[in-house]
Amino acid sequence: MARIVSLGSALQDIYLVDHDDLTPTAIGESAIFGKVLVGSKVDIDKIYYEVGGGGVNSAITFARHGHEVIFLGNIARDAAGFAIVKKLDDEGVDTSYINALERKATGTSVILLDSKSGERTILTHRGASEQFGNFSEKELDLIKPDWLYITTLRGDLDTIKRFAKKAKSMDIKIMFNPGVRELENIDELTNALKYIDILNVNKEEAARIVNGNTLNELLYRLNNYVNTVIITDGPMGGIASNSKEVFRFGIYEDKKVKDATGAGDAFGSGFLAHFAAKKSFKDSLIFASANSTSVVSKIGANKAILSSKESLHPMPIQKI
């Protein structure tokens, strides 16, 4: 198995789940939770306390696959931070490189979830996960990983490039799943892509980086920056290329979505978990899809993450 560093956010996720007061109401092409009125008191059916964040969710996927995992992220010395460390410890993740910041609270998301439709709205205070510049790329000299997995760092492309340059100098492979804030600075983002081995984005994100209307167009143009590119397209599946093979894939199963939180993290980290275990490009895409499908079937961003021992069934995937 591989030694993998997961660099990203750590959050406490608080779910407020209800079956009637949070019913979505359409407004044009958008929707709101229409029965929650200003000044009112709403009785919530259930509340769940979970942990999440892109870095944490991904680290758990790698650990459940049997890899040696080191998490780099920020928390605070509070109850939420202790809960995150305990969860990672329980999963077998190395937490010795976590930074506990002073005068900060651990990042927290409050997730309003309609249990009937699975629709949700997320209110997030990033707290300690708002910044990552306190981490030094020299940590890689001590850790000596095989892979560096980077999720969104809230637009901190300077830290991403520092770690990516260092990783390349040490022959460490890099997989990157950018977020909204990274996509706000396309010039800096594309400059950073020259260090990346695997890029994972959705169709909308891909279209912000390069021009193109179809998955094929977007894939072809992103391959000019990164050798291996995976583009997901929600219920339509996605497309992927490693510059030798191109696969068009559908969804693993048509399951009812209970909670879509963490679906993207489950896909990206699921792919690398399998690929770093020396599985084929095709099989890694299948596991990624299965992992994402499993995660959305339960409430919580990492509760239903699969292990490497999961028996998978065939899914729609075709080499093109």
C-alpha atoms as a PDB file:
ATOM      1  CA  MET A   1       0.000   0.000   0.000  1.00  0.00           C
ATOM      2  CA  ALA A   2       1.004   3.648  -0.403  1.00  0.00           C
ATOM      3  CA  ARG A   3       1.889   6.475   1.953  1.00  0.00           C
ATOM      4  CA  ILE A   4      -0.509   9.366   1.279  1.00  0.00           C
ATOM      5  CA  VAL A   5      -0.712  12.919   2.613  1.00  0.00           C
ATOM      6  CA  SER A   6      -4.188  14.489   2.630  1.00  0.00           C
ATOM      7  CA  LEU A   7      -3.969  18.300   2.707  1.00  0.00           C
ATOM      8  CA  GLY A   8      -7.249  20.136   3.253  1.00  0.00           C
ATOM      9  CA  SER A   9      -9.994  21.286   5.567  1.00  0.00           C
ATOM     10  CA  ALA A  10     -11.308  19.802   8.806  1.00  0.00           C
ATOM     11  CA  LEU A  11     -14.848  20.682   9.882  1.00  0.00           C
ATOM     12  CA  GLN A  12     -17.494  19.647  12.343  1.00  0.00           C
ATOM     13  CA  ASP A  13     -20.760  18.986  10.482  1.00  0.00           C
ATOM     14  CA  ILE A  14     -23.972  19.602  12.435  1.00  0.00           C
ATOM     15  CA  TYR A  15     -27.049  18.253  10.650  1.00  0.00           C
ATOM     16  CA  LEU A  16     -30.484  19.695  11.352  1.00  0.00           C
ATOM     17  CA  VAL A  17     -32.892  17.224   9.735  1.00  0.00           C
ATOM     18  CA  ASP A  18     -36.615  17.789   9.257  1.00  0.00           C
ATOM     19  CA  HIS A  19     -39.343  16.309   7.068  1.00  0.00           C
ATOM     20  CA  ASP A  20     -41.796  19.192   6.673  1.00  0.00           C
ATOM     21  CA  ASP A  21     -40.528  22.618   7.834  1.00  0.00           C
ATOM     22  CA  LEU A  22     -37.553  22.557   5.443  1.00  0.00           C
ATOM     23  CA  THR A  23     -39.569  21.674   2.324  1.00  0.00           C
ATOM     24  CA  PRO A  24     -37.957  23.455  -0.668  1.00  0.00           C
ATOM     25  CA  THR A  25     -40.041  26.105  -2.403  1.00  0.00           C
ATOM     26  CA  ALA A  26     -39.284  27.040  -6.020  1.00  0.00           C
ATOM     27  CA  ILE A  27     -38.433  30.628  -6.934  1.00  0.00           C
ATOM     28  CA  GLY A  28     -37.780  30.783 -10.665  1.00  0.00           C
ATOM     29  CA  GLU A  29     -34.895  28.429 -11.393  1.00  0.00           C
ATOM     30  CA  SER A  30     -33.827  28.344  -7.744  1.00  0.00           C
ATOM     31  CA  ALA A  31     -35.398  27.141  -4.514  1.00  0.00           C
ATOM     32  CA  ILE A  32     -35.441  28.120  -0.840  1.00  0.00           C
ATOM     33  CA  PHE A  33     -36.433  26.364   2.349  1.00  0.00           C
ATOM     34  CA  GLY A  34     -39.786  28.098   2.162  1.00  0.00           C
ATOM     35  CA  LYS A  35     -41.382  27.334   5.536  1.00  0.00           C
ATOM     36  CA  VAL A  36     -38.659  28.808   7.710  1.00  0.00           C
ATOM     37  CA  LEU A  37     -39.861  32.319   8.543  1.00  0.00           C
ATOM     38  CA  VAL A  38     -37.803  35.116  10.055  1.00  0.00           C
ATOM     39  CA  GLY A  39     -38.492  35.319  13.781  1.00  0.00           C
ATOM     40  CA  SER A  40     -40.133  31.890  13.958  1.00  0.00           C
ATOM     41  CA  LYS A  41     -39.204  28.859  16.031  1.00  0.00           C
ATOM     42  CA  VAL A  42     -38.861  25.606  14.097  1.00  0.00           C
ATOM     43  CA  ASP A  43     -38.907  22.157  15.705  1.00  0.00           C
ATOM     44  CA  ILE A  44     -36.253  19.956  14.084  1.00  0.00           C
ATOM     45  CA  ASP A  45     -36.876  16.201  13.922  1.00  0.00           C
ATOM     46  CA  LYS A  46     -33.259  15.037  14.325  1.00  0.00           C
ATOM     47  CA  ILE A  47     -29.791  16.411  14.908  1.00  0.00           C
ATOM     48  CA  TYR A  48     -26.516  14.692  14.016  1.00  0.00           C
ATOM     49  CA  TYR A  49     -22.964  15.641  14.966  1.00  0.00           C
ATOM     50  CA  GLU A  50     -20.450  14.426  12.387  1.00  0.00           C
ATOM     51  CA  VAL A  51     -16.989  15.430  11.191  1.00  0.00           C
ATOM     52  CA  GLY A  52     -16.092  16.370   7.644  1.00  0.00           C
ATOM     53  CA  GLY A  53     -14.132  18.717   5.421  1.00  0.00           C
ATOM     54  CA  GLY A  54     -12.370  17.718   2.206  1.00  0.00           C
ATOM     55  CA  GLY A  55      -9.098  16.794   3.858  1.00  0.00           C
ATOM     56  CA  VAL A  56     -10.722  14.705   6.592  1.00  0.00           C
ATOM     57  CA  ASN A  57     -13.135  12.890   4.266  1.00  0.00           C
ATOM     58  CA  SER A  58     -10.331  11.995   1.880  1.00  0.00           C
ATOM     59  CA  ALA A  59      -8.003  10.828   4.654  1.00  0.00           C
ATOM     60  CA  ILE A  60     -10.704   8.445   5.896  1.00  0.00           C
ATOM     61  CA  THR A  61     -11.161   6.990   2.411  1.00  0.00           C
ATOM     62  CA  PHE A  62      -7.432   6.324   2.095  1.00  0.00           C
ATOM     63  CA  ALA A  63      -7.235   4.787   5.571  1.00  0.00           C
ATOM     64  CA  ARG A  64     -10.179   2.452   4.986  1.00  0.00           C
ATOM     65  CA  HIS A  65      -8.387   1.260   1.864  1.00  0.00           C
ATOM     66  CA  GLY A  66      -5.396   0.222   3.967  1.00  0.00           C
ATOM     67  CA  HIS A  67      -3.013   3.036   3.034  1.00  0.00           C
ATOM     68  CA  GLU A  68      -0.689   4.796   5.466  1.00  0.00           C
ATOM     69  CA  VAL A  69      -2.301   8.237   5.763  1.00  0.00           C
ATOM     70  CA  ILE A  70      -1.081  11.538   7.170  1.00  0.00           C
ATOM     71  CA  PHE A  71      -3.532  14.430   7.532  1.00  0.00           C
ATOM     72  CA  LEU A  72      -2.394  18.053   7.239  1.00  0.00           C
ATOM     73  CA  GLY A  73      -5.021  20.507   8.399  1.00  0.00           C
ATOM     74  CA  ASN A  74      -5.932  23.112  11.005  1.00  0.00           C
ATOM     75  CA  ILE A  75      -8.240  22.787  13.998  1.00  0.00           C
ATOM     76  CA  ALA A  76      -8.652  24.667  17.291  1.00  0.00           C
ATOM     77  CA  ARG A  77      -8.388  23.447  20.863  1.00  0.00           C
ATOM     78  CA  ASP A  78     -12.123  23.028  21.291  1.00  0.00           C
ATOM     79  CA  ALA A  79     -14.684  20.238  21.427  1.00  0.00           C
ATOM     80  CA  ALA A  80     -15.087  20.144  17.643  1.00  0.00           C
ATOM     81  CA  GLY A  81     -11.326  19.914  17.131  1.00  0.00           C
ATOM     82  CA  PHE A  82     -11.019  17.093  19.638  1.00  0.00           C
ATOM     83  CA  ALA A  83     -13.866  15.224  17.902  1.00  0.00           C
ATOM     84  CA  ILE A  84     -12.063  15.486  14.547  1.00  0.00           C
ATOM     85  CA  VAL A  85      -8.780  14.200  15.980  1.00  0.00           C
ATOM     86  CA  LYS A  86     -10.568  11.319  17.717  1.00  0.00           C
ATOM     87  CA  LYS A  87     -12.336  10.315  14.499  1.00  0.00           C
ATOM     88  CA  LEU A  88      -9.087  10.339  12.525  1.00  0.00           C
ATOM     89  CA  ASP A  89      -7.277   8.441  15.274  1.00  0.00           C
ATOM     90  CA  ASP A  90     -10.048   5.827  15.292  1.00  0.00           C
ATOM     91  CA  GLU A  91      -9.650   5.437  11.522  1.00  0.00           C
ATOM     92  CA  GLY A  92      -5.889   4.941  11.827  1.00  0.00           C
ATOM     93  CA  VAL A  93      -4.893   8.302  10.309  1.00  0.00           C
ATOM     94  CA  ASP A  94      -1.663   9.940  11.511  1.00  0.00           C
ATOM     95  CA  THR A  95      -2.765  13.184  13.230  1.00  0.00           C
ATOM     96  CA  SER A  96       0.658  14.268  14.493  1.00  0.00           C
ATOM     97  CA  TYR A  97       0.983  16.964  11.805  1.00  0.00           C
ATOM     98  CA  ILE A  98      -2.321  18.693  12.613  1.00  0.00           C
ATOM     99  CA  ASN A  99      -1.959  22.310  13.747  1.00  0.00           C
ATOM    100  CA  ALA A 100      -4.114  23.614  16.609  1.00  0.00           C
ATOM    101  CA  LEU A 101      -4.498  27.361  16.039  1.00  0.00           C
ATOM    102  CA  GLU A 102      -4.930  29.873  18.837  1.00  0.00           C
ATOM    103  CA  ARG A 103      -7.732  32.470  18.828  1.00  0.00           C
ATOM    104  CA  LYS A 104      -9.646  30.429  16.266  1.00  0.00           C
ATOM    105  CA  ALA A 105     -12.590  28.040  16.401  1.00  0.00           C
ATOM    106  CA  THR A 106     -12.579  24.739  14.557  1.00  0.00           C
ATOM    107  CA  GLY A 107     -14.435  25.098  11.270  1.00  0.00           C
ATOM    108  CA  THR A 108     -18.114  24.196  11.532  1.00  0.00           C
ATOM    109  CA  SER A 109     -20.891  23.586   9.009  1.00  0.00           C
ATOM    110  CA  VAL A 110     -24.567  23.637   9.926  1.00  0.00           C
ATOM    111  CA  ILE A 111     -26.427  21.590   7.325  1.00  0.00           C
ATOM    112  CA  LEU A 112     -30.180  22.096   6.916  1.00  0.00           C
ATOM    113  CA  LEU A 113     -31.400  18.829   5.404  1.00  0.00           C
ATOM    114  CA  ASP A 114     -34.881  17.988   4.130  1.00  0.00           C
ATOM    115  CA  SER A 115     -35.289  14.274   4.842  1.00  0.00           C
ATOM    116  CA  LYS A 116     -37.925  13.843   2.113  1.00  0.00           C
ATOM    117  CA  SER A 117     -36.032  15.263  -0.849  1.00  0.00           C
ATOM    118  CA  GLY A 118     -32.433  15.097   0.352  1.00  0.00           C
ATOM    119  CA  GLU A 119     -32.062  18.796  -0.521  1.00  0.00           C
ATOM    120  CA  ARG A 120     -29.748  20.759   1.745  1.00  0.00           C
ATOM    121  CA  THR A 121     -28.360  24.175   2.515  1.00  0.00           C
ATOM    122  CA  ILE A 122     -24.977  24.491   4.224  1.00  0.00           C
ATOM    123  CA  LEU A 123     -24.011  27.365   6.523  1.00  0.00           C
ATOM    124  CA  THR A 124     -20.245  27.267   7.094  1.00  0.00           C
ATOM    125  CA  HIS A 125     -17.874  29.060   9.433  1.00  0.00           C
ATOM    126  CA  ARG A 126     -14.418  28.085   8.173  1.00  0.00           C
ATOM    127  CA  GLY A 127     -12.619  29.102  11.345  1.00  0.00           C
ATOM    128  CA  ALA A 128      -9.244  27.371  11.575  1.00  0.00           C
ATOM    129  CA  SER A 129      -9.755  25.916   8.069  1.00  0.00           C
ATOM    130  CA  GLU A 130      -9.878  29.393   6.553  1.00  0.00           C
ATOM    131  CA  GLN A 131      -6.078  29.470   6.187  1.00  0.00           C
ATOM    132  CA  PHE A 132      -3.281  27.066   5.261  1.00  0.00           C
ATOM    133  CA  GLY A 133      -0.261  29.331   4.888  1.00  0.00           C
ATOM    134  CA  ASN A 134       1.034  28.188   8.290  1.00  0.00           C
ATOM    135  CA  PHE A 135       1.963  24.810   6.789  1.00  0.00           C
ATOM    136  CA  SER A 136       5.476  24.353   5.428  1.00  0.00           C
ATOM    137  CA  GLU A 137       6.199  22.234   2.391  1.00  0.00           C
ATOM    138  CA  LYS A 138       9.309  21.062   4.278  1.00  0.00           C
ATOM    139  CA  GLU A 139       6.969  18.716   6.165  1.00  0.00           C
ATOM    140  CA  LEU A 140       7.241  16.493   3.082  1.00  0.00           C
ATOM    141  CA  ASP A 141      10.952  15.952   3.816  1.00  0.00           C
ATOM    142  CA  LEU A 142       9.947  14.260   7.073  1.00  0.00           C
ATOM    143  CA  ILE A 143       6.865  12.434   5.826  1.00  0.00           C
ATOM    144  CA  LYS A 144       8.272  11.191   2.504  1.00  0.00           C
ATOM    145  CA  PRO A 145       4.901  10.202   1.007  1.00  0.00           C
ATOM    146  CA  ASP A 146       4.225   8.468  -2.282  1.00  0.00           C
ATOM    147  CA  TRP A 147       1.204  10.676  -2.991  1.00  0.00           C
ATOM    148  CA  LEU A 148       0.016  14.167  -2.065  1.00  0.00           C
ATOM    149  CA  TYR A 149      -3.753  14.657  -2.287  1.00  0.00           C
ATOM    150  CA  ILE A 150      -4.869  18.302  -2.228  1.00  0.00           C
ATOM    151  CA  THR A 151      -8.473  19.426  -1.831  1.00  0.00           C
ATOM    152  CA  THR A 152      -9.567  23.058  -1.816  1.00  0.00           C
ATOM    153  CA  LEU A 153      -7.407  25.346   0.332  1.00  0.00           C
ATOM    154  CA  ARG A 154      -9.842  28.255   0.117  1.00  0.00           C
ATOM    155  CA  GLY A 155      -8.029  29.770  -2.850  1.00  0.00           C
ATOM    156  CA  ASP A 156      -4.564  29.628  -1.267  1.00  0.00           C
ATOM    157  CA  LEU A 157      -2.788  28.860  -4.530  1.00  0.00           C
ATOM    158  CA  ASP A 158       0.522  30.011  -3.055  1.00  0.00           C
ATOM    159  CA  THR A 159       0.454  27.136  -0.533  1.00  0.00           C
ATOM    160  CA  ILE A 160      -0.728  24.723  -3.219  1.00  0.00           C
ATOM    161  CA  LYS A 161       2.182  25.691  -5.492  1.00  0.00           C
ATOM    162  CA  ARG A 162       4.710  25.535  -2.639  1.00  0.00           C
ATOM    163  CA  PHE A 163       3.663  21.991  -1.786  1.00  0.00           C
ATOM    164  CA  ALA A 164       3.332  20.952  -5.428  1.00  0.00           C
ATOM    165  CA  LYS A 165       6.819  22.200  -6.356  1.00  0.00           C
ATOM    166  CA  LYS A 166       8.337  20.459  -3.357  1.00  0.00           C
ATOM    167  CA  ALA A 167       6.471  17.246  -4.138  1.00  0.00           C
ATOM    168  CA  LYS A 168       7.674  17.229  -7.745  1.00  0.00           C
ATOM    169  CA  SER A 169      11.262  17.759  -6.604  1.00  0.00           C
ATOM    170  CA  MET A 170      10.885  14.625  -4.442  1.00  0.00           C
ATOM    171  CA  ASP A 171       9.137  12.595  -7.166  1.00  0.00           C
ATOM    172  CA  ILE A 172       5.903  12.544  -5.131  1.00  0.00           C
ATOM    173  CA  LYS A 173       2.770  12.136  -7.258  1.00  0.00           C
ATOM    174  CA  ILE A 174       0.021  14.767  -6.831  1.00  0.00           C
ATOM    175  CA  MET A 175      -3.752  14.599  -7.234  1.00  0.00           C
ATOM    176  CA  PHE A 176      -5.691  17.862  -7.010  1.00  0.00           C
ATOM    177  CA  ASN A 177      -9.401  18.547  -6.536  1.00  0.00           C
ATOM    178  CA  PRO A 178      -9.789  22.368  -6.644  1.00  0.00           C
ATOM    179  CA  GLY A 179     -12.717  24.270  -5.175  1.00  0.00           C
ATOM    180  CA  VAL A 180     -14.657  27.438  -5.922  1.00  0.00           C
ATOM    181  CA  ARG A 181     -12.045  29.767  -4.469  1.00  0.00           C
ATOM    182  CA  GLU A 182      -9.209  28.296  -6.557  1.00  0.00           C
ATOM    183  CA  LEU A 183     -11.354  28.779  -9.659  1.00  0.00           C
ATOM    184  CA  GLU A 184     -11.598  32.520  -8.960  1.00  0.00           C
ATOM    185  CA  ASN A 185      -8.006  32.949 -10.157  1.00  0.00           C
ATOM    186  CA  ILE A 186      -7.751  30.970 -13.387  1.00  0.00           C
ATOM    187  CA  ASP A 187      -4.328  32.309 -14.419  1.00  0.00           C
ATOM    188  CA  GLU A 188      -2.725  31.246 -11.133  1.00  0.00           C
ATOM    189  CA  LEU A 189      -4.619  27.959 -11.160  1.00  0.00           C
ATOM    190  CA  THR A 190      -3.507  26.971 -14.651  1.00  0.00           C
ATOM    191  CA  ASN A 191       0.050  27.902 -13.729  1.00  0.00           C
ATOM    192  CA  ALA A 192      -0.146  25.465 -10.808  1.00  0.00           C
ATOM    193  CA  LEU A 193      -1.514  22.654 -12.993  1.00  0.00           C
ATOM    194  CA  LYS A 194       1.909  21.982 -14.525  1.00  0.00           C
ATOM    195  CA  TYR A 195       2.880  20.281 -11.265  1.00  0.00           C
ATOM    196  CA  ILE A 196      -0.253  18.104 -11.036  1.00  0.00           C
ATOM    197  CA  ASP A 197      -0.398  14.431 -12.071  1.00  0.00           C
ATOM    198  CA  ILE A 198      -4.158  13.882 -11.690  1.00  0.00           C
ATOM    199  CA  LEU A 199      -6.828  16.593 -11.865  1.00  0.00           C
ATOM    200  CA  ASN A 200     -10.391  15.891 -10.700  1.00  0.00           C
ATOM    201  CA  VAL A 201     -13.106  18.477 -11.476  1.00  0.00           C
ATOM    202  CA  ASN A 202     -16.791  18.539 -12.361  1.00  0.00           C
ATOM    203  CA  LYS A 203     -18.079  19.744 -15.723  1.00  0.00           C
ATOM    204  CA  GLU A 204     -18.880  23.272 -14.527  1.00  0.00           C
ATOM    205  CA  GLU A 205     -15.428  23.635 -12.973  1.00  0.00           C
ATOM    206  CA  ALA A 206     -13.734  22.321 -16.106  1.00  0.00           C
ATOM    207  CA  ALA A 207     -15.598  24.887 -18.222  1.00  0.00           C
ATOM    208  CA  ARG A 208     -14.224  27.679 -16.021  1.00  0.00           C
ATOM    209  CA  ILE A 209     -10.648  26.540 -16.619  1.00  0.00           C
ATOM    210  CA  VAL A 210     -10.822  25.912 -20.388  1.00  0.00           C
ATOM    211  CA  ASN A 211     -13.252  26.642 -23.209  1.00  0.00           C
ATOM    212  CA  GLY A 212     -15.620  23.896 -24.273  1.00  0.00           C
ATOM    213  CA  ASN A 213     -19.239  22.789 -24.210  1.00  0.00           C
ATOM    214  CA  THR A 214     -18.965  19.005 -24.270  1.00  0.00           C
ATOM    215  CA  LEU A 215     -17.128  16.626 -21.969  1.00  0.00           C
ATOM    216  CA  ASN A 216     -14.906  15.554 -24.861  1.00  0.00           C
ATOM    217  CA  GLU A 217     -13.874  19.145 -25.618  1.00  0.00           C
ATOM    218  CA  LEU A 218     -13.166  19.926 -21.971  1.00  0.00           C
ATOM    219  CA  LEU A 219     -11.184  16.726 -21.479  1.00  0.00           C
ATOM    220  CA  TYR A 220      -9.066  17.295 -24.580  1.00  0.00           C
ATOM    221  CA  ARG A 221      -8.162  20.850 -23.541  1.00  0.00           C
ATOM    222  CA  LEU A 222      -7.458  20.008 -19.895  1.00  0.00           C
ATOM    223  CA  ASN A 223      -5.154  17.199 -21.056  1.00  0.00           C
ATOM    224  CA  ASN A 224      -2.914  19.952 -22.433  1.00  0.00           C
ATOM    225  CA  TYR A 225      -2.234  20.926 -18.803  1.00  0.00           C
ATOM    226  CA  VAL A 226      -2.452  17.611 -16.926  1.00  0.00           C
ATOM    227  CA  ASN A 227      -1.800  14.088 -18.187  1.00  0.00           C
ATOM    228  CA  THR A 228      -4.603  12.449 -16.211  1.00  0.00           C
ATOM    229  CA  VAL A 229      -7.949  14.262 -16.003  1.00  0.00           C
ATOM    230  CA  ILE A 230     -11.270  13.141 -14.532  1.00  0.00           C
ATOM    231  CA  ILE A 231     -14.404  15.200 -15.194  1.00  0.00           C
ATOM    232  CA  THR A 232     -17.634  14.270 -13.414  1.00  0.00           C
ATOM    233  CA  ASP A 233     -21.095  15.306 -14.553  1.00  0.00           C
ATOM    234  CA  GLY A 234     -23.474  14.404 -11.720  1.00  0.00           C
ATOM    235  CA  PRO A 235     -26.115  11.817 -12.681  1.00  0.00           C
ATOM    236  CA  MET A 236     -24.688  11.750 -16.220  1.00  0.00           C
ATOM    237  CA  GLY A 237     -21.500  10.085 -14.972  1.00  0.00           C
ATOM    238  CA  GLY A 238     -18.342  11.550 -16.452  1.00  0.00           C
ATOM    239  CA  ILE A 239     -15.265  11.141 -18.629  1.00  0.00           C
ATOM    240  CA  ALA A 240     -11.611  10.456 -17.853  1.00  0.00           C
ATOM    241  CA  SER A 241      -8.299  10.168 -19.659  1.00  0.00           C
ATOM    242  CA  ASN A 242      -4.744   9.233 -18.680  1.00  0.00           C
ATOM    243  CA  SER A 243      -3.375  10.246 -22.111  1.00  0.00           C
ATOM    244  CA  LYS A 244      -3.389   6.550 -23.101  1.00  0.00           C
ATOM    245  CA  GLU A 245      -6.972   5.516 -22.383  1.00  0.00           C
ATOM    246  CA  VAL A 246     -10.235   7.456 -22.412  1.00  0.00           C
ATOM    247  CA  PHE A 247     -13.300   6.205 -20.559  1.00  0.00           C
ATOM    248  CA  ARG A 248     -16.872   7.448 -20.572  1.00  0.00           C
ATOM    249  CA  PHE A 249     -18.718   6.257 -17.479  1.00  0.00           C
ATOM    250  CA  GLY A 250     -22.197   6.401 -16.004  1.00  0.00           C
ATOM    251  CA  ILE A 251     -23.271   6.210 -12.368  1.00  0.00           C
ATOM    252  CA  TYR A 252     -22.596   3.149 -10.224  1.00  0.00           C
ATOM    253  CA  GLU A 253     -26.175   2.775  -8.964  1.00  0.00           C
ATOM    254  CA  ASP A 254     -29.338   4.846  -9.154  1.00  0.00           C
ATOM    255  CA  LYS A 255     -29.794   5.192  -5.380  1.00  0.00           C
ATOM    256  CA  LYS A 256     -31.975   7.645  -3.494  1.00  0.00           C
ATOM    257  CA  VAL A 257     -29.765  10.480  -2.288  1.00  0.00           C
ATOM    258  CA  LYS A 258     -30.136  11.023   1.455  1.00  0.00           C
ATOM    259  CA  ASP A 259     -27.285  13.516   1.751  1.00  0.00           C
ATOM    260  CA  ALA A 260     -25.016  14.687  -1.079  1.00  0.00           C
ATOM    261  CA  THR A 261     -22.440  16.169   1.309  1.00  0.00           C
ATOM    262  CA  GLY A 262     -19.008  14.720   0.583  1.00  0.00           C
ATOM    263  CA  ALA A 263     -19.932  13.093  -2.746  1.00  0.00           C
ATOM    264  CA  GLY A 264     -17.125  14.858  -4.603  1.00  0.00           C
ATOM    265  CA  ASP A 265     -14.576  14.038  -1.916  1.00  0.00           C
ATOM    266  CA  ALA A 266     -15.664  10.387  -1.986  1.00  0.00           C
ATOM    267  CA  PHE A 267     -15.221  10.195  -5.757  1.00  0.00           C
ATOM    268  CA  GLY A 268     -11.795  11.830  -5.969  1.00  0.00           C
ATOM    269  CA  SER A 269     -10.264  10.126  -2.949  1.00  0.00           C
ATOM    270  CA  GLY A 270     -11.943   6.855  -3.908  1.00  0.00           C
ATOM    271  CA  PHE A 271     -10.182   6.955  -7.253  1.00  0.00           C
ATOM    272  CA  LEU A 272      -6.769   7.591  -5.712  1.00  0.00           C
ATOM    273  CA  ALA A 273      -7.290   5.023  -2.938  1.00  0.00           C
ATOM    274  CA  HIS A 274      -7.759   2.326  -5.572  1.00  0.00           C
ATOM    275  CA  PHE A 275      -5.194   3.665  -8.043  1.00  0.00           C
ATOM    276  CA  ALA A 276      -2.468   3.999  -5.403  1.00  0.00           C
ATOM    277  CA  ALA A 277      -3.103   0.338  -4.548  1.00  0.00           C
ATOM    278  CA  LYS A 278      -1.919  -0.495  -8.095  1.00  0.00           C
ATOM    279  CA  LYS A 279      -5.395  -1.062  -9.523  1.00  0.00           C
ATOM    280  CA  SER A 280      -6.122  -0.228 -13.163  1.00  0.00           C
ATOM    281  CA  PHE A 281      -7.340   3.160 -14.347  1.00  0.00           C
ATOM    282  CA  LYS A 282     -10.710   1.632 -15.268  1.00  0.00           C
ATOM    283  CA  ASP A 283     -11.172  -0.225 -11.973  1.00  0.00           C
ATOM    284  CA  SER A 284     -10.217   2.912 -10.042  1.00  0.00           C
ATOM    285  CA  LEU A 285     -12.961   4.868 -11.816  1.00  0.00           C
ATOM    286  CA  ILE A 286     -15.463   2.151 -10.900  1.00  0.00           C
ATOM    287  CA  PHE A 287     -14.428   2.230  -7.238  1.00  0.00           C
ATOM    288  CA  ALA A 288     -14.615   6.044  -7.214  1.00  0.00           C
ATOM    289  CA  SER A 289     -18.189   5.895  -8.510  1.00  0.00           C
ATOM    290  CA  ALA A 290     -19.139   3.190  -6.023  1.00  0.00           C
ATOM    291  CA  ASN A 291     -17.620   5.141  -3.123  1.00  0.00           C
ATOM    292  CA  SER A 292     -19.505   8.305  -4.074  1.00  0.00           C
ATOM    293  CA  THR A 293     -22.782   6.388  -4.461  1.00  0.00           C
ATOM    294  CA  SER A 294     -22.329   4.775  -1.061  1.00  0.00           C
ATOM    295  CA  VAL A 295     -21.606   8.075   0.692  1.00  0.00           C
ATOM    296  CA  VAL A 296     -24.750   9.830  -0.552  1.00  0.00           C
ATOM    297  CA  SER A 297     -26.914   6.926   0.646  1.00  0.00           C
ATOM    298  CA  LYS A 298     -26.399   7.890   4.311  1.00  0.00           C
ATOM    299  CA  ILE A 299     -26.340  11.104   6.321  1.00  0.00           C
ATOM    300  CA  GLY A 300     -22.763  12.217   6.923  1.00  0.00           C
ATOM    301  CA  ALA A 301     -19.889  12.919   4.536  1.00  0.00           C
ATOM    302  CA  ASN A 302     -17.807   9.880   5.486  1.00  0.00           C
ATOM    303  CA  LYS A 303     -20.084   7.458   7.336  1.00  0.00           C
ATOM    304  CA  ALA A 304     -20.560   5.173   4.318  1.00  0.00           C
ATOM    305  CA  ILE A 305     -17.063   5.345   2.807  1.00  0.00           C
ATOM    306  CA  LEU A 306     -16.145   1.945   1.387  1.00  0.00           C
ATOM    307  CA  SER A 307     -13.177  -0.237   2.288  1.00  0.00           C
ATOM    308  CA  SER A 308     -10.883  -1.991  -0.157  1.00  0.00           C
ATOM    309  CA  LYS A 309     -12.648  -5.283   0.607  1.00  0.00           C
ATOM    310  CA  GLU A 310     -15.944  -4.141  -0.902  1.00  0.00           C
ATOM    311  CA  SER A 311     -17.272  -6.437  -3.603  1.00  0.00           C
ATOM    312  CA  LEU A 312     -18.252  -4.283  -6.582  1.00  0.00           C
ATOM    313  CA  HIS A 313     -20.704  -5.071  -9.354  1.00  0.00           C
ATOM    314  CA  PRO A 314     -20.327  -3.941 -13.003  1.00  0.00           C
ATOM    315  CA  MET A 315     -21.383  -0.432 -14.003  1.00  0.00           C
ATOM    316  CA  PRO A 316     -21.751   1.439 -17.301  1.00  0.00           C
ATOM    317  CA  ILE A 317     -18.213   2.291 -18.440  1.00  0.00           C
ATOM    318  CA  GLN A 318     -16.807   2.246 -21.950  1.00  0.00           C
ATOM    319  CA  LYS A 319     -13.395   2.795 -23.442  1.00  0.00           C
ATOM    320  CA  ILE A 320     -13.604   5.320 -26.292  1.00  0.00           C
END
